[in-house]
Amino acid sequence: MATQQALELANDDEEFISQCKQELAIHIGPMADFMIKQTLNQSSEMSHQELIEALAIHIADHNAALSFRRACYSFNGIHLL
C-alpha cells in the first residue's frame, strides 16, 4: 500500500481537496461535496492519506473505492499497485 504521508491538510490546501471532491463525485455523485465537508469538520489535523481513506469508505463498490484511492494518491505522486 502507500507510504504514510505526514502532510496535514491546511485551509489553503484547496487544490488537493478539490481534486478529491471531483474524483469522489465520479463515484458517489453530488453527495461528494457534503461528504468532504463532513469529513474535514471531524478533524482539523488530517493527513492527505487520512482524508483519502476517510472518503473511500463512503464508496460501496470495492473496485470503485480502489479506483478513487489510486486517483487521489496519484495527486500526491504516490502510485498504488
N, C-alpha and C. Protein backbone atom coordinates (compact mmCIF):
# COMPACT_ATOMS: atom_id res chain seq x y z
N MET A 1 0.85 -1.17 0.00
CA MET A 1 0.00 0.00 0.00
C MET A 1 0.89 1.23 0.00
N ALA A 2 0.29 2.39 0.09
CA ALA A 2 1.06 3.64 0.03
C ALA A 2 1.76 3.90 1.34
N THR A 3 2.81 4.70 1.25
CA THR A 3 3.50 5.09 2.47
C THR A 3 2.72 6.20 3.16
N GLN A 4 2.88 6.29 4.50
CA GLN A 4 2.20 7.32 5.28
C GLN A 4 2.76 8.68 4.93
N GLN A 5 1.90 9.61 4.63
CA GLN A 5 2.34 10.98 4.38
C GLN A 5 1.99 11.82 5.59
N ALA A 6 2.90 12.64 6.02
CA ALA A 6 2.68 13.46 7.19
C ALA A 6 2.16 14.84 6.82
N LEU A 7 1.76 15.02 5.58
CA LEU A 7 1.26 16.32 5.15
C LEU A 7 -0.11 16.55 5.77
N GLU A 8 -0.23 17.60 6.55
CA GLU A 8 -1.51 17.90 7.16
C GLU A 8 -2.29 18.82 6.24
N LEU A 9 -3.59 18.64 6.24
CA LEU A 9 -4.45 19.49 5.44
C LEU A 9 -4.54 20.86 6.09
N ALA A 10 -4.36 21.87 5.31
CA ALA A 10 -4.49 23.24 5.78
C ALA A 10 -5.63 23.90 5.02
N ASN A 11 -6.06 25.03 5.54
CA ASN A 11 -7.15 25.74 4.89
C ASN A 11 -6.80 26.12 3.45
N ASP A 12 -5.52 26.30 3.15
CA ASP A 12 -5.10 26.69 1.82
C ASP A 12 -4.81 25.50 0.91
N ASP A 13 -5.17 24.31 1.32
CA ASP A 13 -4.92 23.10 0.54
C ASP A 13 -6.11 22.81 -0.38
N GLU A 14 -6.64 23.85 -0.97
CA GLU A 14 -7.86 23.75 -1.76
C GLU A 14 -7.71 22.89 -3.01
N GLU A 15 -6.54 22.92 -3.64
CA GLU A 15 -6.35 22.15 -4.88
C GLU A 15 -6.49 20.66 -4.63
N PHE A 16 -5.84 20.15 -3.59
CA PHE A 16 -5.95 18.73 -3.27
C PHE A 16 -7.38 18.35 -2.92
N ILE A 17 -8.02 19.17 -2.10
CA ILE A 17 -9.40 18.89 -1.69
C ILE A 17 -10.32 18.92 -2.90
N SER A 18 -10.12 19.87 -3.78
CA SER A 18 -10.93 19.96 -5.00
C SER A 18 -10.76 18.73 -5.88
N GLN A 19 -9.53 18.27 -6.03
CA GLN A 19 -9.27 17.07 -6.82
C GLN A 19 -9.96 15.85 -6.21
N CYS A 20 -9.88 15.73 -4.89
CA CYS A 20 -10.54 14.61 -4.21
C CYS A 20 -12.06 14.69 -4.40
N LYS A 21 -12.60 15.91 -4.29
CA LYS A 21 -14.04 16.08 -4.44
C LYS A 21 -14.49 15.69 -5.85
N GLN A 22 -13.73 16.10 -6.85
CA GLN A 22 -14.08 15.74 -8.23
C GLN A 22 -14.03 14.23 -8.42
N GLU A 23 -13.02 13.60 -7.89
CA GLU A 23 -12.89 12.14 -8.03
C GLU A 23 -13.98 11.43 -7.25
N LEU A 24 -14.29 11.90 -6.06
CA LEU A 24 -15.34 11.30 -5.25
C LEU A 24 -16.70 11.44 -5.93
N ALA A 25 -16.94 12.58 -6.57
CA ALA A 25 -18.21 12.81 -7.27
C ALA A 25 -18.44 11.80 -8.40
N ILE A 26 -17.38 11.33 -8.99
CA ILE A 26 -17.50 10.30 -10.03
C ILE A 26 -18.15 9.05 -9.45
N HIS A 27 -17.86 8.76 -8.20
CA HIS A 27 -18.29 7.52 -7.58
C HIS A 27 -19.56 7.63 -6.75
N ILE A 28 -19.79 8.82 -6.13
CA ILE A 28 -20.99 8.93 -5.30
C ILE A 28 -21.90 10.08 -5.70
N GLY A 29 -21.55 10.79 -6.74
CA GLY A 29 -22.41 11.86 -7.24
C GLY A 29 -22.34 13.13 -6.41
N PRO A 30 -23.45 13.87 -6.40
CA PRO A 30 -23.45 15.20 -5.77
C PRO A 30 -23.25 15.20 -4.26
N MET A 31 -23.32 14.05 -3.62
CA MET A 31 -23.07 13.97 -2.18
C MET A 31 -21.59 14.17 -1.85
N ALA A 32 -20.74 14.19 -2.85
CA ALA A 32 -19.30 14.31 -2.63
C ALA A 32 -18.96 15.59 -1.86
N ASP A 33 -19.56 16.70 -2.22
CA ASP A 33 -19.27 17.96 -1.54
C ASP A 33 -19.63 17.86 -0.06
N PHE A 34 -20.79 17.32 0.23
CA PHE A 34 -21.23 17.16 1.62
C PHE A 34 -20.28 16.24 2.38
N MET A 35 -19.88 15.12 1.77
CA MET A 35 -19.00 14.16 2.44
C MET A 35 -17.63 14.77 2.73
N ILE A 36 -17.11 15.56 1.81
CA ILE A 36 -15.82 16.23 2.02
C ILE A 36 -15.93 17.18 3.22
N LYS A 37 -16.97 18.02 3.21
CA LYS A 37 -17.13 18.98 4.30
C LYS A 37 -17.30 18.28 5.64
N GLN A 38 -18.13 17.24 5.67
CA GLN A 38 -18.37 16.49 6.90
C GLN A 38 -17.07 15.86 7.42
N THR A 39 -16.31 15.28 6.53
CA THR A 39 -15.06 14.62 6.91
C THR A 39 -14.04 15.62 7.43
N LEU A 40 -13.92 16.76 6.76
CA LEU A 40 -12.98 17.78 7.20
C LEU A 40 -13.39 18.41 8.53
N ASN A 41 -14.69 18.49 8.78
CA ASN A 41 -15.17 19.04 10.05
C ASN A 41 -14.88 18.11 11.22
N GLN A 42 -14.70 16.83 10.95
CA GLN A 42 -14.43 15.86 12.01
C GLN A 42 -13.02 16.00 12.56
N SER A 43 -12.09 16.48 11.76
CA SER A 43 -10.71 16.62 12.21
C SER A 43 -10.04 17.75 11.46
N SER A 44 -9.46 18.67 12.22
CA SER A 44 -8.77 19.79 11.58
C SER A 44 -7.32 19.44 11.23
N GLU A 45 -6.81 18.35 11.80
CA GLU A 45 -5.44 17.92 11.51
C GLU A 45 -5.47 16.52 10.92
N MET A 46 -5.60 16.48 9.62
CA MET A 46 -5.73 15.22 8.91
C MET A 46 -4.73 15.19 7.77
N SER A 47 -4.00 14.10 7.65
CA SER A 47 -3.06 13.97 6.53
C SER A 47 -3.84 13.69 5.25
N HIS A 48 -3.16 13.84 4.13
CA HIS A 48 -3.80 13.52 2.85
C HIS A 48 -4.27 12.07 2.85
N GLN A 49 -3.42 11.17 3.34
CA GLN A 49 -3.78 9.76 3.36
C GLN A 49 -5.02 9.53 4.22
N GLU A 50 -5.07 10.17 5.37
CA GLU A 50 -6.24 10.01 6.24
C GLU A 50 -7.51 10.51 5.57
N LEU A 51 -7.42 11.62 4.86
CA LEU A 51 -8.59 12.15 4.14
C LEU A 51 -9.03 11.17 3.07
N ILE A 52 -8.09 10.68 2.29
CA ILE A 52 -8.42 9.74 1.21
C ILE A 52 -9.12 8.51 1.77
N GLU A 53 -8.56 7.95 2.82
CA GLU A 53 -9.14 6.74 3.40
C GLU A 53 -10.51 7.01 4.03
N ALA A 54 -10.66 8.16 4.68
CA ALA A 54 -11.95 8.51 5.28
C ALA A 54 -13.03 8.69 4.22
N LEU A 55 -12.65 9.19 3.06
CA LEU A 55 -13.63 9.38 1.98
C LEU A 55 -13.92 8.07 1.26
N ALA A 56 -12.91 7.23 1.10
CA ALA A 56 -13.07 5.97 0.37
C ALA A 56 -14.10 5.06 1.02
N ILE A 57 -14.27 5.15 2.32
CA ILE A 57 -15.23 4.26 2.98
C ILE A 57 -16.67 4.56 2.59
N HIS A 58 -16.90 5.71 1.96
CA HIS A 58 -18.25 6.08 1.53
C HIS A 58 -18.57 5.52 0.14
N ILE A 59 -17.63 4.83 -0.46
CA ILE A 59 -17.83 4.23 -1.79
C ILE A 59 -18.10 2.75 -1.59
N ALA A 60 -19.32 2.34 -1.86
CA ALA A 60 -19.75 0.96 -1.57
C ALA A 60 -19.02 -0.09 -2.40
N ASP A 61 -18.79 0.18 -3.65
CA ASP A 61 -18.16 -0.79 -4.54
C ASP A 61 -16.65 -0.82 -4.28
N HIS A 62 -16.13 -1.99 -3.97
CA HIS A 62 -14.70 -2.14 -3.64
C HIS A 62 -13.80 -1.65 -4.78
N ASN A 63 -14.11 -2.03 -6.01
CA ASN A 63 -13.27 -1.64 -7.15
C ASN A 63 -13.33 -0.13 -7.38
N ALA A 64 -14.49 0.46 -7.18
CA ALA A 64 -14.63 1.91 -7.33
C ALA A 64 -13.85 2.63 -6.23
N ALA A 65 -13.89 2.09 -5.00
CA ALA A 65 -13.14 2.68 -3.90
C ALA A 65 -11.64 2.60 -4.18
N LEU A 66 -11.19 1.50 -4.73
CA LEU A 66 -9.79 1.35 -5.09
C LEU A 66 -9.40 2.34 -6.18
N SER A 67 -10.26 2.52 -7.15
CA SER A 67 -10.02 3.49 -8.22
C SER A 67 -9.90 4.91 -7.64
N PHE A 68 -10.80 5.23 -6.70
CA PHE A 68 -10.75 6.53 -6.03
C PHE A 68 -9.42 6.71 -5.30
N ARG A 69 -9.03 5.69 -4.54
CA ARG A 69 -7.76 5.77 -3.81
C ARG A 69 -6.59 5.98 -4.76
N ARG A 70 -6.54 5.20 -5.81
CA ARG A 70 -5.44 5.33 -6.78
C ARG A 70 -5.37 6.73 -7.35
N ALA A 71 -6.51 7.28 -7.74
CA ALA A 71 -6.52 8.62 -8.32
C ALA A 71 -6.06 9.66 -7.31
N CYS A 72 -6.58 9.58 -6.10
CA CYS A 72 -6.22 10.58 -5.08
C CYS A 72 -4.77 10.46 -4.66
N TYR A 73 -4.28 9.25 -4.49
CA TYR A 73 -2.87 9.10 -4.14
C TYR A 73 -1.98 9.62 -5.26
N SER A 74 -2.40 9.45 -6.49
CA SER A 74 -1.57 9.92 -7.61
C SER A 74 -1.47 11.45 -7.62
N PHE A 75 -2.46 12.16 -7.02
CA PHE A 75 -2.37 13.61 -6.91
C PHE A 75 -1.14 13.99 -6.07
N ASN A 76 -0.73 13.09 -5.18
CA ASN A 76 0.43 13.32 -4.32
C ASN A 76 1.68 12.62 -4.86
N GLY A 77 1.60 12.05 -6.03
CA GLY A 77 2.75 11.37 -6.60
C GLY A 77 2.98 9.97 -6.07
N ILE A 78 1.96 9.40 -5.40
CA ILE A 78 2.05 8.04 -4.87
C ILE A 78 1.21 7.15 -5.75
N HIS A 79 1.77 6.06 -6.22
CA HIS A 79 1.02 5.15 -7.09
C HIS A 79 0.85 3.81 -6.41
N LEU A 80 -0.43 3.42 -6.26
CA LEU A 80 -0.75 2.13 -5.66
C LEU A 80 -0.63 1.05 -6.72
N LEU A 81 -0.26 -0.12 -6.30
CA LEU A 81 -0.16 -1.24 -7.24
C LEU A 81 -1.53 -1.79 -7.56
